[in-house]
């Protein structure tokens, strides 16, 4: 009976992993179809992921962006500004905070949307 429960738990875990991978693939595909710059940072202001529009605009591949901070990718002045914006977002009590900013590096800038998740 213990073996059966263990087997069911392993099967459930594998199924959950497969669903997570599928979900991540779907989200990545959706984000890459958006013309806006989309990226996610963790609470330490480190990039976790970004869409292809953002990657192309700043001239780095996704692999080069993940695990980096703004100080690794931008000038100190620009990184200071982005860090200030990030810390403002992180300090908010509300579950979602949307801040619209122009992205100054591009001739025809998109709108940048910052979201904080709890």
C-alpha atoms as a PDB file:
ATOM      1  CA  UNK A   1       0.000   0.000   0.000  1.00  0.00           C
ATOM      2  CA  UNK A   2       2.897   2.362   0.787  1.00  0.00           C
ATOM      3  CA  UNK A   3       4.483   1.539  -2.597  1.00  0.00           C
ATOM      4  CA  UNK A   4       1.212   2.375  -4.344  1.00  0.00           C
ATOM      5  CA  UNK A   5       0.930   5.724  -2.545  1.00  0.00           C
ATOM      6  CA  UNK A   6       4.570   6.492  -3.355  1.00  0.00           C
ATOM      7  CA  UNK A   7       4.007   5.598  -7.001  1.00  0.00           C
ATOM      8  CA  UNK A   8       0.905   7.821  -7.176  1.00  0.00           C
ATOM      9  CA  UNK A   9       2.803  10.701  -5.577  1.00  0.00           C
ATOM     10  CA  UNK A  10       5.648  10.366  -8.099  1.00  0.00           C
ATOM     11  CA  UNK A  11       3.195  10.181 -10.975  1.00  0.00           C
ATOM     12  CA  UNK A  12       1.380  13.283  -9.717  1.00  0.00           C
ATOM     13  CA  UNK A  13       4.686  15.133  -9.312  1.00  0.00           C
ATOM     14  CA  UNK A  14       5.767  14.251 -12.881  1.00  0.00           C
ATOM     15  CA  UNK A  15       2.395  15.381 -14.223  1.00  0.00           C
ATOM     16  CA  UNK A  16       2.666  18.689 -12.361  1.00  0.00           C
ATOM     17  CA  UNK A  17       6.180  19.239 -13.761  1.00  0.00           C
ATOM     18  CA  UNK A  18       4.980  18.546 -17.297  1.00  0.00           C
ATOM     19  CA  UNK A  19       2.078  20.970 -16.874  1.00  0.00           C
ATOM     20  CA  UNK A  20       4.428  23.621 -15.518  1.00  0.00           C
ATOM     21  CA  UNK A  21       6.782  23.263 -18.493  1.00  0.00           C
ATOM     22  CA  UNK A  22       3.817  23.475 -20.880  1.00  0.00           C
ATOM     23  CA  UNK A  23       2.479  26.557 -19.089  1.00  0.00           C
ATOM     24  CA  UNK A  24       5.893  28.260 -19.191  1.00  0.00           C
ATOM     25  CA  UNK A  25       6.131  27.569 -22.913  1.00  0.00           C
ATOM     26  CA  UNK A  26       2.670  29.064 -23.484  1.00  0.00           C
ATOM     27  CA  UNK A  27       3.468  32.196 -21.459  1.00  0.00           C
ATOM     28  CA  UNK A  28       6.797  32.655 -23.264  1.00  0.00           C
ATOM     29  CA  UNK A  29       5.078  32.338 -26.641  1.00  0.00           C
ATOM     30  CA  UNK A  30       2.442  34.880 -25.632  1.00  0.00           C
ATOM     31  CA  UNK A  31       4.979  37.375 -24.281  1.00  0.00           C
ATOM     32  CA  UNK A  32       7.129  37.067 -27.391  1.00  0.00           C
ATOM     33  CA  UNK A  33       4.132  37.983 -29.554  1.00  0.00           C
ATOM     34  CA  UNK A  34       3.613  41.280 -27.721  1.00  0.00           C
ATOM     35  CA  UNK A  35       5.070  44.432 -29.283  1.00  0.00           C
ATOM     36  CA  UNK A  36       5.643  45.953 -25.806  1.00  0.00           C
ATOM     37  CA  UNK A  37       8.732  45.440 -23.686  1.00  0.00           C
ATOM     38  CA  UNK A  38       7.979  42.814 -21.054  1.00  0.00           C
ATOM     39  CA  UNK A  39      10.360  41.603 -18.383  1.00  0.00           C
ATOM     40  CA  UNK A  40      10.196  40.196 -14.887  1.00  0.00           C
ATOM     41  CA  UNK A  41      12.627  40.862 -12.060  1.00  0.00           C
ATOM     42  CA  UNK A  42      12.807  39.251  -8.654  1.00  0.00           C
ATOM     43  CA  UNK A  43      12.828  41.128  -5.331  1.00  0.00           C
ATOM     44  CA  UNK A  44      16.590  41.688  -5.706  1.00  0.00           C
ATOM     45  CA  UNK A  45      15.989  43.519  -9.018  1.00  0.00           C
ATOM     46  CA  UNK A  46      17.556  40.686 -10.999  1.00  0.00           C
ATOM     47  CA  UNK A  47      16.062  39.828 -14.374  1.00  0.00           C
ATOM     48  CA  UNK A  48      14.212  36.511 -14.371  1.00  0.00           C
ATOM     49  CA  UNK A  49      12.872  36.608 -17.930  1.00  0.00           C
ATOM     50  CA  UNK A  50      12.042  38.997 -20.747  1.00  0.00           C
ATOM     51  CA  UNK A  51      10.306  38.902 -24.094  1.00  0.00           C
ATOM     52  CA  UNK A  52      12.101  39.078 -27.439  1.00  0.00           C
ATOM     53  CA  UNK A  53      10.968  42.668 -28.083  1.00  0.00           C
ATOM     54  CA  UNK A  54      12.792  43.811 -24.942  1.00  0.00           C
ATOM     55  CA  UNK A  55      15.862  41.686 -25.724  1.00  0.00           C
ATOM     56  CA  UNK A  56      16.144  43.079 -29.242  1.00  0.00           C
ATOM     57  CA  UNK A  57      15.646  46.665 -28.064  1.00  0.00           C
ATOM     58  CA  UNK A  58      18.497  46.536 -25.565  1.00  0.00           C
ATOM     59  CA  UNK A  59      20.751  44.377 -27.749  1.00  0.00           C
ATOM     60  CA  UNK A  60      21.136  41.303 -25.544  1.00  0.00           C
ATOM     61  CA  UNK A  61      19.861  37.748 -25.838  1.00  0.00           C
ATOM     62  CA  UNK A  62      17.564  36.344 -23.173  1.00  0.00           C
ATOM     63  CA  UNK A  63      20.409  34.155 -21.913  1.00  0.00           C
ATOM     64  CA  UNK A  64      22.558  37.277 -21.477  1.00  0.00           C
ATOM     65  CA  UNK A  65      19.806  39.110 -19.558  1.00  0.00           C
ATOM     66  CA  UNK A  66      18.696  36.426 -17.100  1.00  0.00           C
ATOM     67  CA  UNK A  67      20.513  36.741 -13.789  1.00  0.00           C
ATOM     68  CA  UNK A  68      21.693  40.285 -14.517  1.00  0.00           C
ATOM     69  CA  UNK A  69      20.759  43.617 -12.968  1.00  0.00           C
ATOM     70  CA  UNK A  70      20.287  46.939 -14.730  1.00  0.00           C
ATOM     71  CA  UNK A  71      23.860  47.810 -13.716  1.00  0.00           C
ATOM     72  CA  UNK A  72      25.092  44.913 -15.853  1.00  0.00           C
ATOM     73  CA  UNK A  73      23.116  46.040 -18.909  1.00  0.00           C
ATOM     74  CA  UNK A  74      22.862  49.843 -18.863  1.00  0.00           C
ATOM     75  CA  UNK A  75      24.894  52.927 -18.021  1.00  0.00           C
ATOM     76  CA  UNK A  76      25.158  53.799 -14.319  1.00  0.00           C
ATOM     77  CA  UNK A  77      22.862  56.807 -14.738  1.00  0.00           C
ATOM     78  CA  UNK A  78      20.152  54.795 -16.463  1.00  0.00           C
ATOM     79  CA  UNK A  79      20.586  51.856 -14.056  1.00  0.00           C
ATOM     80  CA  UNK A  80      20.232  54.223 -11.077  1.00  0.00           C
ATOM     81  CA  UNK A  81      16.933  55.478 -12.503  1.00  0.00           C
ATOM     82  CA  UNK A  82      15.631  51.971 -13.185  1.00  0.00           C
ATOM     83  CA  UNK A  83      16.707  50.792  -9.711  1.00  0.00           C
ATOM     84  CA  UNK A  84      14.855  53.728  -8.155  1.00  0.00           C
ATOM     85  CA  UNK A  85      11.738  52.803 -10.141  1.00  0.00           C
ATOM     86  CA  UNK A  86      12.066  49.153  -9.121  1.00  0.00           C
ATOM     87  CA  UNK A  87      12.448  49.992  -5.445  1.00  0.00           C
ATOM     88  CA  UNK A  88       9.394  52.240  -5.659  1.00  0.00           C
ATOM     89  CA  UNK A  89       7.392  49.348  -7.104  1.00  0.00           C
ATOM     90  CA  UNK A  90       8.719  46.919  -4.498  1.00  0.00           C
ATOM     91  CA  UNK A  91       7.847  49.265  -1.644  1.00  0.00           C
ATOM     92  CA  UNK A  92       4.154  49.420  -2.537  1.00  0.00           C
ATOM     93  CA  UNK A  93       1.619  47.589  -0.400  1.00  0.00           C
ATOM     94  CA  UNK A  94      -0.850  46.851  -3.194  1.00  0.00           C
ATOM     95  CA  UNK A  95      -0.698  43.503  -4.967  1.00  0.00           C
ATOM     96  CA  UNK A  96      -0.204  44.993  -8.430  1.00  0.00           C
ATOM     97  CA  UNK A  97       1.320  48.333  -9.235  1.00  0.00           C
ATOM     98  CA  UNK A  98       1.379  49.448 -12.846  1.00  0.00           C
ATOM     99  CA  UNK A  99       3.738  52.250 -13.761  1.00  0.00           C
ATOM    100  CA  UNK A 100       3.916  53.532 -17.310  1.00  0.00           C
ATOM    101  CA  UNK A 101       7.312  54.748 -18.417  1.00  0.00           C
ATOM    102  CA  UNK A 102       8.805  55.630 -21.767  1.00  0.00           C
ATOM    103  CA  UNK A 103      11.774  53.546 -22.755  1.00  0.00           C
ATOM    104  CA  UNK A 104      14.345  56.182 -23.761  1.00  0.00           C
ATOM    105  CA  UNK A 105      16.699  53.996 -25.796  1.00  0.00           C
ATOM    106  CA  UNK A 106      14.570  53.641 -28.886  1.00  0.00           C
ATOM    107  CA  UNK A 107      13.559  56.151 -31.557  1.00  0.00           C
ATOM    108  CA  UNK A 108       9.892  55.145 -31.295  1.00  0.00           C
ATOM    109  CA  UNK A 109       9.598  54.131 -27.614  1.00  0.00           C
ATOM    110  CA  UNK A 110       7.005  51.678 -26.410  1.00  0.00           C
ATOM    111  CA  UNK A 111       5.361  51.974 -23.028  1.00  0.00           C
ATOM    112  CA  UNK A 112       7.012  50.042 -20.218  1.00  0.00           C
ATOM    113  CA  UNK A 113       4.762  48.440 -17.656  1.00  0.00           C
ATOM    114  CA  UNK A 114       6.114  47.497 -14.233  1.00  0.00           C
ATOM    115  CA  UNK A 115       4.164  45.015 -12.143  1.00  0.00           C
ATOM    116  CA  UNK A 116       4.907  43.767  -8.671  1.00  0.00           C
ATOM    117  CA  UNK A 117       3.609  40.387  -7.610  1.00  0.00           C
ATOM    118  CA  UNK A 118       3.462  39.205  -4.015  1.00  0.00           C
END
